[in-house]
Protein backbone atom coordinates (compact mmCIF):
# COMPACT_ATOMS: atom_id res chain seq x y z
CA MET A 1 -0.03 -0.05 0.04
CA ALA A 2 2.84 2.32 0.83
CA SER A 3 4.50 1.59 -2.39
CA ILE A 4 1.32 2.51 -4.40
CA ALA A 5 1.09 5.74 -2.40
CA ASP A 6 4.60 6.66 -3.07
CA GLN A 7 4.24 5.92 -6.87
CA GLU A 8 1.18 8.18 -7.03
CA GLN A 9 3.04 11.00 -5.17
CA GLU A 10 5.96 10.69 -7.58
CA ASN A 11 3.58 10.88 -10.63
CA ASN A 12 1.92 13.96 -9.28
CA ALA A 13 5.28 15.54 -8.73
CA SER A 14 6.33 14.77 -12.20
CA GLU A 15 3.24 16.30 -13.60
CA VAL A 16 3.69 19.42 -11.56
CA MET A 17 7.31 19.73 -12.93
CA LEU A 18 6.16 19.25 -16.54
CA LEU A 19 3.34 21.67 -16.16
CA SER A 20 5.67 24.23 -14.68
CA LYS A 21 8.24 23.72 -17.39
CA PHE A 22 5.73 23.97 -20.13
CA GLY A 23 4.09 26.95 -18.59
CA GLY A 24 7.52 28.74 -18.30
CA LYS A 25 8.27 28.02 -21.96
CA GLN A 26 4.84 29.23 -22.94
CA ARG A 27 5.30 32.49 -20.95
CA SER A 28 8.72 33.03 -22.40
CA LYS A 29 7.43 32.37 -25.87
CA ASN A 30 4.52 34.81 -25.35
CA LYS A 31 7.00 37.45 -23.95
CA TRP A 32 9.28 36.92 -27.10
CA ARG A 33 6.19 37.33 -29.34
CA LYS A 34 5.29 40.64 -27.65
CA LEU A 35 8.93 42.02 -27.92
CA SER A 36 9.12 40.84 -31.57
CA LYS A 37 5.74 42.56 -32.23
CA HIS A 38 6.95 45.74 -30.52
CA SER A 39 10.27 45.85 -32.40
CA SER A 40 8.44 45.06 -35.68
CA THR A 41 6.09 48.02 -34.97
CA THR A 42 9.04 50.40 -34.26
CA SER A 43 11.03 49.42 -37.34
CA ASP A 44 7.79 49.79 -39.54
CA SER A 45 6.84 53.20 -38.12
CA LEU A 46 5.02 55.57 -40.41
CA ILE A 47 8.02 57.93 -40.94
CA ASN A 48 10.22 54.99 -42.20
CA THR A 49 7.62 54.05 -44.87
CA LEU A 50 8.59 57.41 -46.75
CA ASP A 51 11.09 57.12 -49.49
CA ASP A 52 14.64 58.65 -49.18
CA GLY A 53 13.81 61.79 -51.14
CA CYS A 54 10.79 62.66 -49.03
CA LEU A 55 12.65 61.91 -45.78
CA MET A 56 15.61 63.99 -46.85
CA HIS A 57 13.33 66.82 -47.66
CA ILE A 58 11.99 66.74 -44.10
CA PHE A 59 15.53 66.79 -42.66
CA SER A 60 16.34 69.89 -44.58
CA PHE A 61 13.87 71.89 -42.46
CA LEU A 62 15.79 70.92 -39.26
CA SER A 63 18.44 73.19 -37.91
CA PRO A 64 21.84 71.77 -38.69
CA LEU A 65 22.82 71.64 -35.05
CA PRO A 66 21.67 69.88 -33.00
CA ASP A 67 18.66 68.50 -34.70
CA ARG A 68 19.89 67.35 -38.00
CA TYR A 69 23.06 66.21 -36.54
CA ASN A 70 21.27 64.09 -33.99
CA THR A 71 19.17 62.41 -36.74
CA ALA A 72 22.38 60.71 -37.95
CA LEU A 73 22.37 58.77 -34.56
CA VAL A 74 18.94 56.99 -35.15
CA CYS A 75 19.86 54.36 -37.52
CA HIS A 76 22.09 53.52 -40.55
CA ARG A 77 19.53 54.78 -43.02
CA TRP A 78 18.92 58.07 -41.33
CA ARG A 79 22.75 58.60 -40.93
CA PHE A 80 23.18 58.24 -44.67
CA LEU A 81 20.45 60.74 -45.40
CA ALA A 82 21.45 63.15 -42.69
CA CYS A 83 24.96 63.20 -44.01
CA HIS A 84 24.03 63.46 -47.68
CA PRO A 85 25.83 66.20 -49.67
CA HIS A 86 22.44 67.56 -50.75
CA LEU A 87 21.91 68.58 -46.97
CA TRP A 88 25.55 69.90 -46.23
CA LEU A 89 29.07 69.85 -47.47
CA ARG A 90 31.87 68.46 -45.18
CA VAL A 91 35.40 69.76 -44.68
CA ASP A 92 37.96 67.12 -43.50
CA ARG A 93 41.63 67.85 -43.66
CA THR A 94 42.50 64.02 -43.19
CA ILE A 95 40.41 63.03 -46.22
CA LYS A 96 42.35 61.09 -48.78
CA ASP A 97 39.58 60.10 -51.12
CA LEU A 98 38.53 63.26 -52.86
CA SER A 99 36.21 61.36 -55.13
CA GLU A 100 33.47 61.17 -52.34
CA PRO A 101 30.87 63.63 -53.20
CA GLY A 102 30.41 66.63 -50.86
CA VAL A 103 33.66 66.16 -48.96
CA TYR A 104 36.45 68.56 -49.36
CA SER A 105 40.01 68.98 -47.82
CA SER A 106 39.91 72.73 -47.20
CA ILE A 107 37.27 75.33 -46.40
CA ASP A 108 38.24 77.34 -49.48
CA ALA A 109 37.36 74.51 -51.61
CA ALA A 110 34.06 73.82 -49.91
CA VAL A 111 33.04 77.47 -50.13
CA SER A 112 33.70 77.43 -53.81
CA ALA A 113 31.68 74.35 -54.50
CA ALA A 114 28.80 75.45 -52.34
CA LYS A 115 25.48 76.66 -53.69
CA PRO A 116 23.67 79.57 -51.98
CA GLY A 117 21.87 78.31 -48.75
CA ASP A 118 24.26 75.36 -48.32
CA THR A 119 25.54 74.15 -44.93
CA ILE A 120 29.27 73.40 -44.46
CA LEU A 121 30.27 71.08 -41.60
CA ILE A 122 33.93 71.52 -40.61
CA ALA A 123 35.41 68.45 -38.99
CA SER A 124 36.81 68.90 -35.50
CA GLY A 125 40.49 68.25 -34.58
CA GLY A 126 43.55 70.02 -35.80
CA VAL A 127 43.69 73.59 -37.22
CA HIS A 128 42.16 74.78 -40.46
CA ILE A 129 44.29 77.49 -41.98
CA THR A 130 41.91 80.22 -43.36
CA SER A 131 43.24 83.48 -44.88
CA ASN A 132 41.06 86.02 -46.59
CA ILE A 133 38.45 83.54 -47.82
CA GLN A 134 35.69 85.43 -49.38
CA ILE A 135 32.07 84.23 -49.04
CA LYS A 136 29.79 85.89 -51.46
CA LYS A 137 26.74 83.73 -51.22
CA PRO A 138 24.39 82.77 -48.22
CA LEU A 139 26.12 80.01 -46.32
CA CYS A 140 26.16 78.50 -42.83
CA LEU A 141 29.43 77.29 -41.44
CA ILE A 142 29.35 74.92 -38.52
CA GLY A 143 32.03 73.31 -36.39
CA GLY A 144 31.79 69.52 -36.10
CA GLY A 145 32.83 69.09 -32.50
CA GLU A 146 30.82 69.17 -29.31
CA LEU A 147 32.42 72.42 -28.30
CA PRO A 148 33.63 75.41 -30.40
CA GLU A 149 37.19 74.79 -29.10
CA GLU A 150 37.28 71.41 -30.92
CA THR A 151 37.22 73.17 -34.41
CA THR A 152 39.75 75.93 -34.96
CA LEU A 153 40.19 78.30 -37.89
CA LEU A 154 43.48 80.08 -37.89
CA CYS A 155 44.20 83.35 -39.82
CA SER A 156 47.94 83.56 -40.24
CA ARG A 157 49.95 86.64 -39.92
CA GLY A 158 49.86 88.79 -42.99
CA SER A 159 46.21 88.17 -43.80
CA ASP A 160 43.49 90.71 -43.30
CA SER A 161 41.04 88.22 -41.93
CA ALA A 162 40.20 84.55 -41.72
CA LEU A 163 36.76 85.01 -43.39
CA GLU A 164 35.47 87.88 -45.43
CA LEU A 165 31.74 87.96 -45.56
CA LEU A 166 29.87 89.67 -48.39
CA SER A 167 26.52 87.97 -48.07
CA THR A 168 24.08 86.76 -45.35
CA CYS A 169 25.93 84.01 -43.43
CA LYS A 170 25.90 82.19 -40.11
CA VAL A 171 29.07 81.03 -38.24
CA THR A 172 28.37 78.67 -35.28
CA ASN A 173 30.30 76.42 -32.97
CA LEU A 174 33.72 77.45 -34.22
CA THR A 175 36.88 79.01 -32.75
CA VAL A 176 38.52 81.60 -34.97
CA LYS A 177 42.00 82.81 -34.18
CA ALA A 178 43.88 85.77 -35.77
CA GLU A 179 47.59 86.42 -35.32
CA LEU A 180 47.29 89.89 -36.60
CA GLY A 181 44.26 91.44 -38.34
CA CYS A 182 40.68 90.31 -37.60
CA CYS A 183 38.88 87.03 -37.20
CA LEU A 184 35.83 87.94 -39.24
CA LEU A 185 35.57 90.87 -41.73
CA HIS A 186 31.85 91.78 -42.50
CA ARG A 187 31.46 93.67 -45.71
CA SER A 188 27.73 93.35 -46.33
CA GLY A 189 24.68 91.18 -45.63
CA ARG A 190 23.45 89.77 -42.40
CA LEU A 191 26.15 88.00 -40.33
CA ILE A 192 25.05 85.75 -37.39
CA ILE A 193 27.75 84.59 -34.91
CA ASP A 194 26.51 82.05 -32.44
CA SER A 195 28.32 79.91 -29.87
CA CYS A 196 31.77 80.77 -31.17
CA VAL A 197 35.19 81.74 -29.80
CA LEU A 198 36.92 84.68 -31.36
CA GLN A 199 40.52 85.16 -30.31
CA CYS A 200 43.10 87.75 -31.32
CA GLU A 201 46.65 86.42 -30.34
CA THR A 202 48.48 88.36 -27.74
CA ASP A 203 51.03 90.61 -29.59
CA PRO A 204 52.66 94.00 -29.18
CA LEU A 205 50.66 95.21 -32.14
CA ASP A 206 47.35 93.74 -30.86
CA TYR A 207 45.90 97.23 -30.93
CA LEU A 208 45.72 96.87 -34.68
CA SER A 209 43.64 93.74 -34.39
CA CYS A 210 39.89 93.27 -33.60
CA PRO A 211 37.85 90.01 -33.51
CA ILE A 212 35.11 91.51 -35.56
CA VAL A 213 35.41 94.31 -38.13
CA SER A 214 32.34 95.60 -40.03
CA SER A 215 32.68 97.97 -42.89
CA ALA A 216 29.03 97.63 -44.15
CA THR A 217 27.44 100.82 -45.51
CA GLY A 218 24.26 99.49 -46.87
CA PRO A 219 20.91 101.39 -46.90
CA LYS A 220 18.93 101.77 -43.69
CA LYS A 221 15.78 100.31 -45.13
CA LEU A 222 15.18 97.55 -47.75
CA PRO A 223 12.36 97.62 -50.30
CA SER A 224 10.85 94.56 -48.50
CA SER A 225 9.40 95.39 -45.18
CA THR A 226 10.33 91.83 -43.88
CA ALA A 227 13.91 91.82 -44.89
CA ARG A 228 16.57 93.12 -42.62
CA GLY A 229 19.54 95.19 -43.85
CA ASP A 230 23.20 94.74 -43.29
CA GLY A 231 24.21 93.89 -39.64
CA VAL A 232 25.90 91.60 -37.29
CA THR A 233 24.21 89.53 -34.46
CA VAL A 234 26.40 87.96 -31.86
CA SER A 235 25.17 85.50 -29.21
CA ARG A 236 26.72 83.27 -26.60
CA THR A 237 30.21 84.12 -28.04
CA ARG A 238 33.57 84.34 -26.15
CA ILE A 239 35.75 87.26 -27.42
CA GLU A 240 39.35 87.54 -26.27
CA GLY A 241 42.18 89.98 -27.26
CA GLY A 242 42.41 92.88 -29.67
CA ALA A 243 41.83 96.53 -29.20
CA LYS A 244 37.99 96.04 -28.99
CA ALA A 245 35.37 93.43 -29.43
CA VAL A 246 34.02 94.96 -32.63
CA LEU A 247 35.23 97.76 -34.95
CA THR A 248 32.77 99.52 -37.10
CA ILE A 249 34.21 101.62 -40.02
CA GLY A 250 30.93 101.83 -41.97
CA THR A 251 27.62 103.26 -41.05
CA LEU A 252 26.72 100.57 -38.50
CA VAL A 253 26.90 101.09 -34.64
CA LEU A 254 27.10 98.80 -31.70
CA GLN A 255 23.76 98.21 -29.95
CA ARG A 256 21.98 96.08 -27.27
CA VAL A 257 25.10 94.87 -25.54
CA ARG A 258 24.73 92.04 -22.90
CA VAL A 259 27.63 90.43 -21.18
CA ILE A 260 27.71 87.39 -18.82
CA TYR A 261 30.77 86.97 -16.76
CA GLY A 262 31.80 83.43 -15.90
CA ARG A 263 34.63 81.97 -13.80
CA THR A 264 36.75 81.17 -16.88
CA SER A 265 35.32 83.17 -19.68
CA VAL A 266 33.08 86.20 -20.66
CA LEU A 267 30.07 85.63 -23.04
CA PHE A 268 28.83 88.38 -25.26
CA TRP A 269 25.37 89.19 -26.86
CA PHE A 270 25.16 92.33 -29.07
CA GLU A 271 24.09 93.54 -32.42
CA VAL A 272 25.73 95.93 -34.95
CA GLU A 273 23.03 97.77 -36.93
CA HIS A 274 21.92 101.10 -38.41
CA GLN A 275 20.77 103.57 -35.78
C-alpha cells in the first residue's frame, strides 16, 4: 500500500514539474512574441515608410545643429540621409579619397563648390588655415565638435581676416583665431555669430587687431518690409584679445550689448546695426 502511495506521489510531482516547465516556456514564448511585435512596430513606423527623397526633404527643415546632426544617430539609413551632400558639405583635412561627393580637404574648396543656402560642416580636430576666404553667397559654417574649441580656424599673420563675408551668413560652434588682423571681416549682408570663440593672439601690435570688423554701409531700409539690412548679430560668443570686441568703419553702430561673466570666460550678446 505504501509503495502505491509513493508511486502516485511521484507521478503527481512529475506532472507538476512538466506543467511548470511547459508554462514557463509558454510564458517565455509569449513574451518573445510581444517583444518581436513591438520591435516590428518600431521598425515599421510611419516615417520609415517614406522614400529617401521625401525623408531627406523633411531633414532639410531641421536646424543643422543639433537636430539634423542628431538624426544621424537614429539608424544607418538616417545617418546616410542626414550626411547626404544635398543637405550639407563637409570639410575634413584628413580626407584622402577626394572622389567622395560633398567632402573637401579645405574650407576654401568647400566654399567655392557650395551653392547659396548650403551648410558646411567643418570636421573637428587640428587647425584649419583660413586666410582672406571670401564668401559671396548665403552659407552656414558649423564646427563639427561638441564644443567650439574642438574646431579651430586660424588666420595667419599677414592676412586681413580669416573669413571675409559679403553675403548673409551664419557662423556657429567654431573657434576663429587671428595672429594679426581680424577674425571675421563683415562687408555686407546679415552675419550671425552664435556659440563661437573669437581670439586675437597676444602681440605688441594687438591694438591693430579686432575680433570683428564691420565695414558695411548699406541702406537703412530695404524695399521689402520683412527683410533686414546689413548687420551683425552675436550671441553666446567668447571674445578675447584685440583693441575692442568689434570695430565699425561703416555706418553701423554697436547696440543692445549684454555680457555674462563666468569663472573662466566672458560671453557676449550684441548687435551691430544702423541707428
